[in-house]
Amino acid sequence: MKTFKIMMIALLAMLTMASCGSDDDDPVINPATRVANSYVCTGAATFKYVPTPMASEDTIDIAANNDGSCNIVYRSNVWGKAKFENVALTVNGEKYVVTGAGKVSMGMHGAAPKDYDAEITGTIENGKGSFSINVPSVMGGTVIVLTQNAEESKE
């Protein structure tokens, strides 16, 4: 009888341990890795003093952070370079939205570049990116709208 009880306890312990396995076989994927890419864009900058948008060819580079946020670098031969670190990334189905703040380095009229506060917003949906960079203190408020060129990205 004593042996039977020990065997039952051992069997119960084995069953308990077997039932504690993970039911989650899907690995957790950092959403920022899904949008990490280099997006080649056409830019259209508008500001208070010029009614016609100024065009530029620009690049948005997105790098994933381990915490699900991302770092974004903007490069333009017209508007300079901007860095946005730890940019928030939200996901709604297949639509990814980035929002954050950083600094843009611009040189005006041949002067040495100066850093200005800037904000970025953007969406990436089905692999296609569109972004907007707002620089409120430049030329009465500068907004650069960036649209990814058709099927252009550097993976």
C-alpha atoms as a PDB file:
ATOM      1  CA  MET A   1       0.000   0.000   0.000  1.00  0.00           C
ATOM      2  CA  LYS A   2       2.846   2.342   0.881  1.00  0.00           C
ATOM      3  CA  THR A   3       4.491   1.638  -2.490  1.00  0.00           C
ATOM      4  CA  PHE A   4       1.196   2.325  -4.244  1.00  0.00           C
ATOM      5  CA  LYS A   5       0.879   5.731  -2.554  1.00  0.00           C
ATOM      6  CA  ILE A   6       4.465   6.666  -3.476  1.00  0.00           C
ATOM      7  CA  MET A   7       3.833   5.648  -7.088  1.00  0.00           C
ATOM      8  CA  MET A   8       0.634   7.717  -7.200  1.00  0.00           C
ATOM      9  CA  ILE A   9       2.418  10.765  -5.772  1.00  0.00           C
ATOM     10  CA  ALA A  10       5.227  10.352  -8.330  1.00  0.00           C
ATOM     11  CA  LEU A  11       2.706   9.997 -11.160  1.00  0.00           C
ATOM     12  CA  LEU A  12       0.815  13.077  -9.974  1.00  0.00           C
ATOM     13  CA  ALA A  13       4.084  15.055  -9.776  1.00  0.00           C
ATOM     14  CA  MET A  14       5.020  14.026 -13.346  1.00  0.00           C
ATOM     15  CA  LEU A  15       1.601  15.018 -14.695  1.00  0.00           C
ATOM     16  CA  THR A  16       1.786  18.368 -12.908  1.00  0.00           C
ATOM     17  CA  MET A  17       5.206  19.111 -14.392  1.00  0.00           C
ATOM     18  CA  ALA A  18       4.117  18.106 -17.894  1.00  0.00           C
ATOM     19  CA  SER A  19       1.126  20.432 -17.735  1.00  0.00           C
ATOM     20  CA  CYS A  20       3.300  23.458 -16.906  1.00  0.00           C
ATOM     21  CA  GLY A  21       4.807  23.726 -20.401  1.00  0.00           C
ATOM     22  CA  SER A  22       4.366  26.880 -22.460  1.00  0.00           C
ATOM     23  CA  ASP A  23       1.315  26.972 -24.715  1.00  0.00           C
ATOM     24  CA  ASP A  24       2.747  29.982 -26.582  1.00  0.00           C
ATOM     25  CA  ASP A  25       4.737  28.518 -29.460  1.00  0.00           C
ATOM     26  CA  ASP A  26       4.796  31.814 -31.385  1.00  0.00           C
ATOM     27  CA  PRO A  27       7.916  33.884 -30.723  1.00  0.00           C
ATOM     28  CA  VAL A  28       7.388  37.496 -29.734  1.00  0.00           C
ATOM     29  CA  ILE A  29       8.431  39.698 -32.664  1.00  0.00           C
ATOM     30  CA  ASN A  30       9.614  43.248 -32.077  1.00  0.00           C
ATOM     31  CA  PRO A  31       7.329  45.352 -34.335  1.00  0.00           C
ATOM     32  CA  ALA A  32      10.138  47.844 -34.993  1.00  0.00           C
ATOM     33  CA  THR A  33      12.030  45.144 -36.901  1.00  0.00           C
ATOM     34  CA  ARG A  34       9.178  45.024 -39.416  1.00  0.00           C
ATOM     35  CA  VAL A  35       9.668  48.674 -40.413  1.00  0.00           C
ATOM     36  CA  ALA A  36      13.462  48.920 -40.051  1.00  0.00           C
ATOM     37  CA  ASN A  37      14.549  49.960 -43.528  1.00  0.00           C
ATOM     38  CA  SER A  38      15.911  52.781 -45.643  1.00  0.00           C
ATOM     39  CA  TYR A  39      13.093  54.624 -47.419  1.00  0.00           C
ATOM     40  CA  VAL A  40      13.985  56.712 -50.514  1.00  0.00           C
ATOM     41  CA  CYS A  41      11.473  59.565 -50.642  1.00  0.00           C
ATOM     42  CA  THR A  42      10.469  62.643 -52.553  1.00  0.00           C
ATOM     43  CA  GLY A  43      10.170  65.600 -50.210  1.00  0.00           C
ATOM     44  CA  ALA A  44       7.922  68.630 -50.553  1.00  0.00           C
ATOM     45  CA  ALA A  45       8.754  71.438 -48.102  1.00  0.00           C
ATOM     46  CA  THR A  46       6.323  74.226 -47.359  1.00  0.00           C
ATOM     47  CA  PHE A  47       6.881  77.274 -45.219  1.00  0.00           C
ATOM     48  CA  LYS A  48       5.349  80.620 -44.501  1.00  0.00           C
ATOM     49  CA  TYR A  49       7.422  82.748 -46.893  1.00  0.00           C
ATOM     50  CA  VAL A  50       7.227  80.667 -50.099  1.00  0.00           C
ATOM     51  CA  PRO A  51       3.814  79.593 -51.447  1.00  0.00           C
ATOM     52  CA  THR A  52       5.159  76.866 -53.778  1.00  0.00           C
ATOM     53  CA  PRO A  53       6.541  73.693 -52.156  1.00  0.00           C
ATOM     54  CA  MET A  54      10.241  73.031 -52.682  1.00  0.00           C
ATOM     55  CA  ALA A  55      11.054  69.524 -53.881  1.00  0.00           C
ATOM     56  CA  SER A  56      13.949  67.353 -52.724  1.00  0.00           C
ATOM     57  CA  GLU A  57      15.117  63.758 -52.891  1.00  0.00           C
ATOM     58  CA  ASP A  58      15.538  62.474 -49.348  1.00  0.00           C
ATOM     59  CA  THR A  59      16.134  59.330 -47.322  1.00  0.00           C
ATOM     60  CA  ILE A  60      14.550  58.109 -44.097  1.00  0.00           C
ATOM     61  CA  ASP A  61      16.522  55.380 -42.292  1.00  0.00           C
ATOM     62  CA  ILE A  62      14.696  53.485 -39.546  1.00  0.00           C
ATOM     63  CA  ALA A  63      16.554  51.251 -37.083  1.00  0.00           C
ATOM     64  CA  ALA A  64      14.782  49.033 -34.547  1.00  0.00           C
ATOM     65  CA  ASN A  65      15.439  49.313 -30.809  1.00  0.00           C
ATOM     66  CA  ASN A  66      15.020  46.298 -28.509  1.00  0.00           C
ATOM     67  CA  ASP A  67      12.216  48.013 -26.576  1.00  0.00           C
ATOM     68  CA  GLY A  68       9.955  48.303 -29.660  1.00  0.00           C
ATOM     69  CA  SER A  69      10.789  51.956 -30.350  1.00  0.00           C
ATOM     70  CA  CYS A  70      12.982  53.016 -33.262  1.00  0.00           C
ATOM     71  CA  ASN A  71      15.651  55.523 -34.203  1.00  0.00           C
ATOM     72  CA  ILE A  72      15.103  57.547 -37.366  1.00  0.00           C
ATOM     73  CA  VAL A  73      17.691  59.446 -39.398  1.00  0.00           C
ATOM     74  CA  TYR A  74      16.566  61.856 -42.120  1.00  0.00           C
ATOM     75  CA  ARG A  75      18.996  62.941 -44.854  1.00  0.00           C
ATOM     76  CA  SER A  76      18.451  65.570 -47.522  1.00  0.00           C
ATOM     77  CA  ASN A  77      20.857  67.428 -49.775  1.00  0.00           C
ATOM     78  CA  VAL A  78      18.530  70.442 -49.450  1.00  0.00           C
ATOM     79  CA  TRP A  79      17.348  70.364 -45.819  1.00  0.00           C
ATOM     80  CA  GLY A  80      20.260  68.746 -44.008  1.00  0.00           C
ATOM     81  CA  LYS A  81      20.139  65.893 -41.539  1.00  0.00           C
ATOM     82  CA  ALA A  82      17.862  65.078 -38.612  1.00  0.00           C
ATOM     83  CA  LYS A  83      17.982  62.505 -35.812  1.00  0.00           C
ATOM     84  CA  PHE A  84      14.976  61.240 -33.906  1.00  0.00           C
ATOM     85  CA  GLU A  85      15.780  58.757 -31.138  1.00  0.00           C
ATOM     86  CA  ASN A  86      13.477  56.383 -29.265  1.00  0.00           C
ATOM     87  CA  VAL A  87      10.576  57.213 -31.559  1.00  0.00           C
ATOM     88  CA  ALA A  88       7.285  55.662 -30.472  1.00  0.00           C
ATOM     89  CA  LEU A  89       5.898  52.976 -32.774  1.00  0.00           C
ATOM     90  CA  THR A  90       2.287  51.834 -32.646  1.00  0.00           C
ATOM     91  CA  VAL A  91       0.723  49.064 -34.681  1.00  0.00           C
ATOM     92  CA  ASN A  92      -2.834  48.756 -35.948  1.00  0.00           C
ATOM     93  CA  GLY A  93      -3.137  45.661 -38.126  1.00  0.00           C
ATOM     94  CA  GLU A  94      -0.682  46.177 -40.997  1.00  0.00           C
ATOM     95  CA  LYS A  95      -0.358  49.927 -40.336  1.00  0.00           C
ATOM     96  CA  TYR A  96       2.661  51.132 -38.342  1.00  0.00           C
ATOM     97  CA  VAL A  97       2.710  54.702 -36.995  1.00  0.00           C
ATOM     98  CA  VAL A  98       5.829  56.552 -35.792  1.00  0.00           C
ATOM     99  CA  THR A  99       5.789  59.740 -33.706  1.00  0.00           C
ATOM    100  CA  GLY A 100       8.712  61.439 -32.038  1.00  0.00           C
ATOM    101  CA  ALA A 101      10.898  64.481 -31.521  1.00  0.00           C
ATOM    102  CA  GLY A 102      14.501  65.246 -32.322  1.00  0.00           C
ATOM    103  CA  LYS A 103      16.856  67.747 -33.899  1.00  0.00           C
ATOM    104  CA  VAL A 104      17.398  68.782 -37.505  1.00  0.00           C
ATOM    105  CA  SER A 105      20.687  70.362 -38.538  1.00  0.00           C
ATOM    106  CA  MET A 106      20.184  73.004 -41.254  1.00  0.00           C
ATOM    107  CA  GLY A 107      22.467  75.617 -42.780  1.00  0.00           C
ATOM    108  CA  MET A 108      20.677  78.748 -44.001  1.00  0.00           C
ATOM    109  CA  HIS A 109      22.009  80.867 -46.886  1.00  0.00           C
ATOM    110  CA  GLY A 110      25.436  79.208 -46.836  1.00  0.00           C
ATOM    111  CA  ALA A 111      25.863  79.643 -43.074  1.00  0.00           C
ATOM    112  CA  ALA A 112      27.167  76.871 -40.836  1.00  0.00           C
ATOM    113  CA  PRO A 113      24.476  74.328 -39.904  1.00  0.00           C
ATOM    114  CA  LYS A 114      22.474  74.984 -36.758  1.00  0.00           C
ATOM    115  CA  ASP A 115      20.320  72.522 -34.786  1.00  0.00           C
ATOM    116  CA  TYR A 116      16.568  73.107 -34.559  1.00  0.00           C
ATOM    117  CA  ASP A 117      13.853  71.228 -32.670  1.00  0.00           C
ATOM    118  CA  ALA A 118      11.770  69.018 -34.966  1.00  0.00           C
ATOM    119  CA  GLU A 119       8.936  66.502 -34.779  1.00  0.00           C
ATOM    120  CA  ILE A 120       8.337  63.520 -37.008  1.00  0.00           C
ATOM    121  CA  THR A 121       5.161  61.573 -37.725  1.00  0.00           C
ATOM    122  CA  GLY A 122       4.744  58.859 -40.278  1.00  0.00           C
ATOM    123  CA  THR A 123       3.032  55.705 -41.386  1.00  0.00           C
ATOM    124  CA  ILE A 124       4.317  52.536 -42.966  1.00  0.00           C
ATOM    125  CA  GLU A 125       1.634  50.367 -44.487  1.00  0.00           C
ATOM    126  CA  ASN A 126       2.218  47.379 -46.746  1.00  0.00           C
ATOM    127  CA  GLY A 127       5.903  48.302 -46.865  1.00  0.00           C
ATOM    128  CA  LYS A 128       5.251  51.847 -48.150  1.00  0.00           C
ATOM    129  CA  GLY A 129       6.282  54.813 -46.005  1.00  0.00           C
ATOM    130  CA  SER A 130       5.062  58.399 -45.783  1.00  0.00           C
ATOM    131  CA  PHE A 131       6.421  60.882 -43.246  1.00  0.00           C
ATOM    132  CA  SER A 132       6.117  64.501 -42.135  1.00  0.00           C
ATOM    133  CA  ILE A 133       8.809  66.531 -40.385  1.00  0.00           C
ATOM    134  CA  ASN A 134       7.762  69.755 -38.675  1.00  0.00           C
ATOM    135  CA  VAL A 135      10.423  72.370 -37.867  1.00  0.00           C
ATOM    136  CA  PRO A 136       8.443  75.230 -36.259  1.00  0.00           C
ATOM    137  CA  SER A 137      11.340  77.682 -35.781  1.00  0.00           C
ATOM    138  CA  VAL A 138      12.637  77.736 -39.380  1.00  0.00           C
ATOM    139  CA  MET A 139      11.226  80.232 -41.925  1.00  0.00           C
ATOM    140  CA  GLY A 140       8.025  80.826 -40.010  1.00  0.00           C
ATOM    141  CA  GLY A 141       7.407  77.081 -39.692  1.00  0.00           C
ATOM    142  CA  THR A 142       8.719  74.490 -42.117  1.00  0.00           C
ATOM    143  CA  VAL A 143       6.945  71.229 -42.891  1.00  0.00           C
ATOM    144  CA  ILE A 144       8.619  68.600 -45.047  1.00  0.00           C
ATOM    145  CA  VAL A 145       6.235  65.948 -46.358  1.00  0.00           C
ATOM    146  CA  LEU A 146       8.005  62.812 -47.559  1.00  0.00           C
ATOM    147  CA  THR A 147       6.472  60.182 -49.801  1.00  0.00           C
ATOM    148  CA  GLN A 148       8.348  56.984 -50.567  1.00  0.00           C
ATOM    149  CA  ASN A 149       9.216  56.662 -54.223  1.00  0.00           C
ATOM    150  CA  ALA A 150       7.447  53.810 -55.991  1.00  0.00           C
ATOM    151  CA  GLU A 151       8.937  50.500 -54.850  1.00  0.00           C
ATOM    152  CA  GLU A 152      12.174  52.147 -53.691  1.00  0.00           C
ATOM    153  CA  SER A 153      13.738  51.071 -50.468  1.00  0.00           C
ATOM    154  CA  LYS A 154      17.135  49.751 -49.503  1.00  0.00           C
ATOM    155  CA  GLU A 155      16.747  46.588 -47.465  1.00  0.00           C
END
